[in-house]
Amino acid sequence: MDVVTQVIAQPPDACWRVFTDLTTMIRWVPGLRSASLVASRDDNLPAEIRFEFLGGLAYSLMYSYDVDGRTVRWRPKFGEKGAVRGYAKFEPHADGTQMTYALEHDPGRKAAERAFDDPDVIVEAFSRFVS
């Protein structure tokens, strides 16, 4: 699993709200064409999201949350090919928020598909968007 940590000059709650908001994903996730809510939890956080990327890559991810710890985890829906698994955590830092982002690609994923989910690129894109 690739892990990237970066400090973002915004409060943890602001980072958490943006990261867990399905409606903003298409504006900051590189290569994302659409993100559709399939199912939500009682607290309105997404439980399952269907993603479609440029080039035709598509898959659904299942989400779980530690809301108090500001940690979100995702894994492929059963039977999905080419998906990813990982987590994001948002912790207080003297300069704002320390974001930890971890990602593991499906072993059958092509290099071009991995480029969409490069952890360094995603964290940098998120940091620019939220700042």
N, C-alpha and C. Protein backbone atom coordinates (compact mmCIF):
# COMPACT_ATOMS: atom_id res chain seq x y z
N MET A 1 0.85 -1.18 0.00
CA MET A 1 0.00 0.00 0.00
C MET A 1 0.90 1.24 0.00
N ASP A 2 0.63 2.16 -0.94
CA ASP A 2 1.35 3.43 -0.99
C ASP A 2 0.70 4.40 -0.02
N VAL A 3 1.54 5.08 0.80
CA VAL A 3 1.03 6.02 1.79
C VAL A 3 1.70 7.37 1.57
N VAL A 4 0.89 8.43 1.53
CA VAL A 4 1.37 9.80 1.36
C VAL A 4 0.81 10.64 2.50
N THR A 5 1.66 11.49 3.07
CA THR A 5 1.23 12.40 4.13
C THR A 5 1.56 13.82 3.71
N GLN A 6 0.62 14.73 3.94
CA GLN A 6 0.84 16.13 3.60
C GLN A 6 0.09 17.02 4.57
N VAL A 7 0.68 18.16 4.89
CA VAL A 7 0.01 19.14 5.73
C VAL A 7 -0.74 20.11 4.83
N ILE A 8 -2.01 20.36 5.19
CA ILE A 8 -2.88 21.25 4.43
C ILE A 8 -3.27 22.41 5.34
N ALA A 9 -3.19 23.61 4.85
CA ALA A 9 -3.45 24.81 5.65
C ALA A 9 -4.95 25.09 5.79
N GLN A 10 -5.70 24.09 6.23
CA GLN A 10 -7.13 24.21 6.51
C GLN A 10 -7.43 23.37 7.74
N PRO A 11 -8.49 23.69 8.48
CA PRO A 11 -8.85 22.88 9.65
C PRO A 11 -9.27 21.46 9.26
N PRO A 12 -9.05 20.48 10.16
CA PRO A 12 -9.42 19.09 9.86
C PRO A 12 -10.89 18.91 9.48
N ASP A 13 -11.80 19.61 10.15
CA ASP A 13 -13.22 19.45 9.82
C ASP A 13 -13.53 19.91 8.40
N ALA A 14 -12.89 20.98 7.96
CA ALA A 14 -13.11 21.47 6.59
C ALA A 14 -12.60 20.45 5.57
N CYS A 15 -11.42 19.89 5.82
CA CYS A 15 -10.86 18.87 4.93
C CYS A 15 -11.76 17.64 4.89
N TRP A 16 -12.22 17.22 6.05
CA TRP A 16 -13.10 16.05 6.15
C TRP A 16 -14.38 16.27 5.35
N ARG A 17 -15.00 17.43 5.53
CA ARG A 17 -16.26 17.71 4.82
C ARG A 17 -16.07 17.67 3.31
N VAL A 18 -14.99 18.26 2.81
CA VAL A 18 -14.75 18.27 1.36
C VAL A 18 -14.46 16.85 0.86
N PHE A 19 -13.63 16.11 1.57
CA PHE A 19 -13.24 14.77 1.12
C PHE A 19 -14.43 13.83 1.07
N THR A 20 -15.36 13.97 2.00
CA THR A 20 -16.50 13.04 2.06
C THR A 20 -17.71 13.56 1.29
N ASP A 21 -17.58 14.69 0.61
CA ASP A 21 -18.68 15.27 -0.17
C ASP A 21 -18.61 14.78 -1.61
N LEU A 22 -19.49 13.89 -1.96
CA LEU A 22 -19.54 13.30 -3.30
C LEU A 22 -19.64 14.38 -4.39
N THR A 23 -20.34 15.46 -4.10
CA THR A 23 -20.58 16.47 -5.13
C THR A 23 -19.33 17.23 -5.53
N THR A 24 -18.28 17.22 -4.71
CA THR A 24 -17.05 17.94 -5.08
C THR A 24 -16.00 17.05 -5.73
N MET A 25 -16.15 15.75 -5.65
CA MET A 25 -15.10 14.83 -6.13
C MET A 25 -14.71 15.08 -7.58
N ILE A 26 -15.67 15.29 -8.43
CA ILE A 26 -15.38 15.46 -9.85
C ILE A 26 -14.54 16.71 -10.10
N ARG A 27 -14.55 17.65 -9.16
CA ARG A 27 -13.79 18.90 -9.32
C ARG A 27 -12.34 18.77 -8.88
N TRP A 28 -11.99 17.73 -8.11
CA TRP A 28 -10.59 17.64 -7.68
C TRP A 28 -9.92 16.30 -7.96
N VAL A 29 -10.66 15.23 -8.20
CA VAL A 29 -10.03 13.92 -8.48
C VAL A 29 -9.60 13.89 -9.95
N PRO A 30 -8.30 13.77 -10.21
CA PRO A 30 -7.81 13.77 -11.60
C PRO A 30 -8.41 12.64 -12.43
N GLY A 31 -8.88 12.98 -13.63
CA GLY A 31 -9.40 11.98 -14.56
C GLY A 31 -10.80 11.47 -14.27
N LEU A 32 -11.42 11.94 -13.20
CA LEU A 32 -12.76 11.46 -12.85
C LEU A 32 -13.81 12.12 -13.73
N ARG A 33 -14.57 11.31 -14.42
CA ARG A 33 -15.64 11.79 -15.30
C ARG A 33 -16.96 11.90 -14.56
N SER A 34 -17.25 10.91 -13.69
CA SER A 34 -18.48 10.97 -12.91
C SER A 34 -18.33 10.14 -11.63
N ALA A 35 -19.07 10.56 -10.62
CA ALA A 35 -19.15 9.84 -9.35
C ALA A 35 -20.62 9.83 -8.96
N SER A 36 -21.21 8.65 -8.88
CA SER A 36 -22.64 8.52 -8.63
C SER A 36 -22.89 7.79 -7.32
N LEU A 37 -23.75 8.36 -6.50
CA LEU A 37 -24.12 7.73 -5.24
C LEU A 37 -25.00 6.52 -5.53
N VAL A 38 -24.58 5.36 -5.02
CA VAL A 38 -25.37 4.14 -5.16
C VAL A 38 -26.16 3.90 -3.87
N ALA A 39 -25.51 4.13 -2.73
CA ALA A 39 -26.17 3.95 -1.43
C ALA A 39 -25.52 4.88 -0.41
N SER A 40 -26.33 5.34 0.54
CA SER A 40 -25.80 6.19 1.60
C SER A 40 -26.14 5.59 2.95
N ARG A 41 -25.45 6.08 3.96
CA ARG A 41 -25.69 5.66 5.34
C ARG A 41 -26.78 6.53 5.95
N ASP A 42 -27.18 6.19 7.16
CA ASP A 42 -28.20 6.98 7.85
C ASP A 42 -27.75 8.41 8.10
N ASP A 43 -26.43 8.63 8.23
CA ASP A 43 -25.91 9.99 8.47
C ASP A 43 -25.61 10.72 7.15
N ASN A 44 -26.07 10.16 6.04
CA ASN A 44 -25.92 10.73 4.69
C ASN A 44 -24.52 10.66 4.11
N LEU A 45 -23.58 10.03 4.77
CA LEU A 45 -22.27 9.79 4.16
C LEU A 45 -22.43 8.67 3.12
N PRO A 46 -21.68 8.75 2.03
CA PRO A 46 -21.79 7.70 1.00
C PRO A 46 -21.37 6.32 1.53
N ALA A 47 -22.16 5.32 1.23
CA ALA A 47 -21.81 3.93 1.58
C ALA A 47 -21.25 3.21 0.35
N GLU A 48 -21.75 3.59 -0.84
CA GLU A 48 -21.26 3.02 -2.10
C GLU A 48 -21.30 4.10 -3.17
N ILE A 49 -20.19 4.21 -3.91
CA ILE A 49 -20.10 5.18 -5.00
C ILE A 49 -19.63 4.46 -6.25
N ARG A 50 -20.24 4.78 -7.37
CA ARG A 50 -19.83 4.26 -8.69
C ARG A 50 -19.01 5.34 -9.38
N PHE A 51 -17.77 5.02 -9.77
CA PHE A 51 -16.86 5.95 -10.41
C PHE A 51 -16.67 5.59 -11.88
N GLU A 52 -16.58 6.62 -12.71
CA GLU A 52 -16.22 6.44 -14.12
C GLU A 52 -15.12 7.44 -14.44
N PHE A 53 -14.03 6.93 -15.01
CA PHE A 53 -12.87 7.74 -15.34
C PHE A 53 -12.72 7.89 -16.84
N LEU A 54 -11.96 8.88 -17.25
CA LEU A 54 -11.61 9.03 -18.66
C LEU A 54 -10.96 7.73 -19.12
N GLY A 55 -11.19 7.33 -20.34
CA GLY A 55 -10.59 6.10 -20.85
C GLY A 55 -11.44 4.87 -20.59
N GLY A 56 -12.59 5.03 -19.94
CA GLY A 56 -13.50 3.90 -19.77
C GLY A 56 -13.39 3.12 -18.48
N LEU A 57 -12.41 3.40 -17.63
CA LEU A 57 -12.30 2.69 -16.36
C LEU A 57 -13.50 3.03 -15.49
N ALA A 58 -14.15 2.00 -14.92
CA ALA A 58 -15.31 2.21 -14.05
C ALA A 58 -15.33 1.12 -12.97
N TYR A 59 -15.71 1.52 -11.76
CA TYR A 59 -15.86 0.56 -10.67
C TYR A 59 -16.64 1.20 -9.53
N SER A 60 -17.12 0.35 -8.61
CA SER A 60 -17.83 0.81 -7.41
C SER A 60 -16.98 0.53 -6.19
N LEU A 61 -17.01 1.48 -5.26
CA LEU A 61 -16.31 1.33 -3.99
C LEU A 61 -17.29 1.40 -2.83
N MET A 62 -17.00 0.61 -1.81
CA MET A 62 -17.78 0.59 -0.58
C MET A 62 -16.99 1.39 0.47
N TYR A 63 -17.69 2.21 1.25
CA TYR A 63 -17.04 3.11 2.21
C TYR A 63 -17.45 2.79 3.64
N SER A 64 -16.48 2.97 4.56
CA SER A 64 -16.74 2.90 5.99
C SER A 64 -16.03 4.09 6.64
N TYR A 65 -16.52 4.50 7.81
CA TYR A 65 -16.05 5.74 8.41
C TYR A 65 -15.81 5.60 9.91
N ASP A 66 -14.80 6.29 10.39
CA ASP A 66 -14.61 6.60 11.80
C ASP A 66 -14.77 8.11 11.85
N VAL A 67 -15.99 8.58 12.06
CA VAL A 67 -16.29 10.00 11.98
C VAL A 67 -15.52 10.78 13.04
N ASP A 68 -15.48 10.27 14.28
CA ASP A 68 -14.76 10.97 15.35
C ASP A 68 -13.27 11.06 15.06
N GLY A 69 -12.71 10.02 14.45
CA GLY A 69 -11.29 9.99 14.10
C GLY A 69 -11.00 10.57 12.73
N ARG A 70 -12.03 11.08 12.05
CA ARG A 70 -11.93 11.66 10.70
C ARG A 70 -11.14 10.74 9.76
N THR A 71 -11.57 9.47 9.73
CA THR A 71 -10.93 8.49 8.86
C THR A 71 -12.00 7.84 7.99
N VAL A 72 -11.72 7.77 6.70
CA VAL A 72 -12.62 7.10 5.75
C VAL A 72 -11.83 5.99 5.07
N ARG A 73 -12.45 4.83 4.95
CA ARG A 73 -11.82 3.67 4.29
C ARG A 73 -12.70 3.26 3.12
N TRP A 74 -12.06 2.73 2.06
CA TRP A 74 -12.81 2.26 0.91
C TRP A 74 -12.22 0.95 0.42
N ARG A 75 -13.09 0.17 -0.21
CA ARG A 75 -12.69 -1.12 -0.77
C ARG A 75 -13.59 -1.38 -1.97
N PRO A 76 -13.13 -2.23 -2.88
CA PRO A 76 -13.96 -2.53 -4.05
C PRO A 76 -15.23 -3.28 -3.65
N LYS A 77 -16.30 -3.01 -4.35
CA LYS A 77 -17.50 -3.81 -4.20
C LYS A 77 -17.14 -5.22 -4.64
N PHE A 78 -17.73 -6.21 -4.00
CA PHE A 78 -17.43 -7.61 -4.31
C PHE A 78 -17.53 -7.85 -5.81
N GLY A 79 -16.49 -8.44 -6.38
CA GLY A 79 -16.48 -8.81 -7.79
C GLY A 79 -15.95 -7.73 -8.72
N GLU A 80 -15.68 -6.52 -8.21
CA GLU A 80 -15.17 -5.44 -9.06
C GLU A 80 -13.72 -5.73 -9.46
N LYS A 81 -13.39 -5.43 -10.69
CA LYS A 81 -12.03 -5.57 -11.21
C LYS A 81 -11.47 -4.18 -11.50
N GLY A 82 -10.18 -4.00 -11.27
CA GLY A 82 -9.51 -2.74 -11.59
C GLY A 82 -9.71 -1.65 -10.57
N ALA A 83 -10.29 -1.95 -9.42
CA ALA A 83 -10.59 -0.94 -8.41
C ALA A 83 -9.40 -0.73 -7.46
N VAL A 84 -9.63 0.07 -6.45
CA VAL A 84 -8.60 0.39 -5.46
C VAL A 84 -9.17 0.18 -4.06
N ARG A 85 -8.26 0.11 -3.10
CA ARG A 85 -8.66 0.09 -1.69
C ARG A 85 -7.72 1.04 -0.96
N GLY A 86 -8.19 1.59 0.15
CA GLY A 86 -7.31 2.49 0.89
C GLY A 86 -8.04 3.24 1.97
N TYR A 87 -7.41 4.33 2.41
CA TYR A 87 -8.02 5.15 3.45
C TYR A 87 -7.45 6.56 3.40
N ALA A 88 -8.18 7.49 4.01
CA ALA A 88 -7.71 8.86 4.21
C ALA A 88 -8.01 9.24 5.65
N LYS A 89 -7.06 9.93 6.27
CA LYS A 89 -7.22 10.35 7.66
C LYS A 89 -6.83 11.82 7.76
N PHE A 90 -7.59 12.58 8.54
CA PHE A 90 -7.37 14.01 8.71
C PHE A 90 -7.17 14.31 10.18
N GLU A 91 -5.93 14.71 10.55
CA GLU A 91 -5.58 14.95 11.94
C GLU A 91 -5.15 16.40 12.15
N PRO A 92 -5.45 16.94 13.34
CA PRO A 92 -5.00 18.30 13.63
C PRO A 92 -3.48 18.41 13.55
N HIS A 93 -3.02 19.55 13.05
CA HIS A 93 -1.60 19.85 12.93
C HIS A 93 -1.43 21.34 13.23
N ALA A 94 -0.29 21.74 13.72
CA ALA A 94 -0.05 23.15 14.06
C ALA A 94 -0.33 24.07 12.87
N ASP A 95 -0.12 23.59 11.65
CA ASP A 95 -0.33 24.40 10.46
C ASP A 95 -1.65 24.09 9.75
N GLY A 96 -2.56 23.38 10.40
CA GLY A 96 -3.85 23.05 9.80
C GLY A 96 -4.23 21.60 10.00
N THR A 97 -4.04 20.80 8.95
CA THR A 97 -4.42 19.39 8.96
C THR A 97 -3.32 18.53 8.37
N GLN A 98 -3.02 17.44 9.04
CA GLN A 98 -2.14 16.43 8.44
C GLN A 98 -3.04 15.39 7.79
N MET A 99 -2.94 15.30 6.47
CA MET A 99 -3.71 14.32 5.72
C MET A 99 -2.82 13.12 5.43
N THR A 100 -3.31 11.94 5.77
CA THR A 100 -2.64 10.69 5.41
C THR A 100 -3.55 9.97 4.43
N TYR A 101 -2.98 9.63 3.29
CA TYR A 101 -3.75 8.99 2.22
C TYR A 101 -3.01 7.72 1.81
N ALA A 102 -3.72 6.59 1.85
CA ALA A 102 -3.11 5.31 1.49
C ALA A 102 -3.93 4.65 0.40
N LEU A 103 -3.24 4.02 -0.55
CA LEU A 103 -3.93 3.44 -1.70
C LEU A 103 -3.23 2.16 -2.15
N GLU A 104 -4.04 1.19 -2.49
CA GLU A 104 -3.55 -0.07 -3.06
C GLU A 104 -4.37 -0.36 -4.31
N HIS A 105 -3.68 -0.60 -5.42
CA HIS A 105 -4.34 -0.88 -6.69
C HIS A 105 -4.62 -2.36 -6.85
N ASP A 106 -5.69 -2.67 -7.58
CA ASP A 106 -5.96 -4.04 -7.99
C ASP A 106 -4.76 -4.51 -8.81
N PRO A 107 -4.25 -5.73 -8.57
CA PRO A 107 -3.06 -6.19 -9.29
C PRO A 107 -3.20 -6.22 -10.81
N GLY A 108 -4.40 -6.36 -11.33
CA GLY A 108 -4.60 -6.42 -12.78
C GLY A 108 -4.73 -5.06 -13.45
N ARG A 109 -4.52 -4.02 -12.70
CA ARG A 109 -4.71 -2.68 -13.24
C ARG A 109 -3.60 -2.27 -14.19
N LYS A 110 -3.96 -1.63 -15.29
CA LYS A 110 -2.98 -1.17 -16.28
C LYS A 110 -2.28 0.09 -15.78
N ALA A 111 -1.08 0.35 -16.32
CA ALA A 111 -0.31 1.53 -15.91
C ALA A 111 -1.08 2.82 -16.15
N ALA A 112 -1.77 2.93 -17.26
CA ALA A 112 -2.54 4.14 -17.56
C ALA A 112 -3.66 4.34 -16.54
N GLU A 113 -4.25 3.24 -16.07
CA GLU A 113 -5.30 3.33 -15.06
C GLU A 113 -4.73 3.70 -13.70
N ARG A 114 -3.52 3.22 -13.41
CA ARG A 114 -2.87 3.57 -12.14
C ARG A 114 -2.55 5.06 -12.06
N ALA A 115 -2.33 5.68 -13.21
CA ALA A 115 -2.01 7.10 -13.24
C ALA A 115 -3.15 7.94 -12.67
N PHE A 116 -4.40 7.50 -12.86
CA PHE A 116 -5.54 8.23 -12.31
C PHE A 116 -5.51 8.28 -10.79
N ASP A 117 -4.97 7.23 -10.18
CA ASP A 117 -5.01 7.11 -8.73
C ASP A 117 -3.64 7.21 -8.07
N ASP A 118 -2.70 7.89 -8.70
CA ASP A 118 -1.39 8.09 -8.09
C ASP A 118 -1.60 8.87 -6.79
N PRO A 119 -1.23 8.29 -5.63
CA PRO A 119 -1.50 8.94 -4.35
C PRO A 119 -0.90 10.34 -4.23
N ASP A 120 0.30 10.55 -4.74
CA ASP A 120 0.90 11.88 -4.67
C ASP A 120 0.08 12.89 -5.45
N VAL A 121 -0.38 12.51 -6.63
CA VAL A 121 -1.18 13.40 -7.48
C VAL A 121 -2.53 13.70 -6.83
N ILE A 122 -3.15 12.68 -6.25
CA ILE A 122 -4.45 12.87 -5.61
C ILE A 122 -4.34 13.80 -4.40
N VAL A 123 -3.36 13.57 -3.56
CA VAL A 123 -3.19 14.42 -2.36
C VAL A 123 -2.90 15.86 -2.76
N GLU A 124 -2.05 16.04 -3.75
CA GLU A 124 -1.74 17.40 -4.22
C GLU A 124 -2.98 18.07 -4.81
N ALA A 125 -3.76 17.34 -5.59
CA ALA A 125 -4.99 17.89 -6.17
C ALA A 125 -5.99 18.25 -5.08
N PHE A 126 -6.13 17.40 -4.08
CA PHE A 126 -7.04 17.68 -2.96
C PHE A 126 -6.58 18.92 -2.20
N SER A 127 -5.29 18.98 -1.92
CA SER A 127 -4.73 20.12 -1.18
C SER A 127 -4.99 21.43 -1.92
N ARG A 128 -4.76 21.46 -3.21
CA ARG A 128 -5.02 22.67 -4.02
C ARG A 128 -6.51 23.05 -3.98
N PHE A 129 -7.36 22.04 -4.10
CA PHE A 129 -8.80 22.30 -4.13
C PHE A 129 -9.32 22.86 -2.82
N VAL A 130 -8.91 22.26 -1.72
CA VAL A 130 -9.45 22.64 -0.41
C VAL A 130 -8.82 23.93 0.12
N SER A 131 -7.68 24.31 -0.41
CA SER A 131 -7.00 25.52 0.07
C SER A 131 -7.46 26.72 -0.60
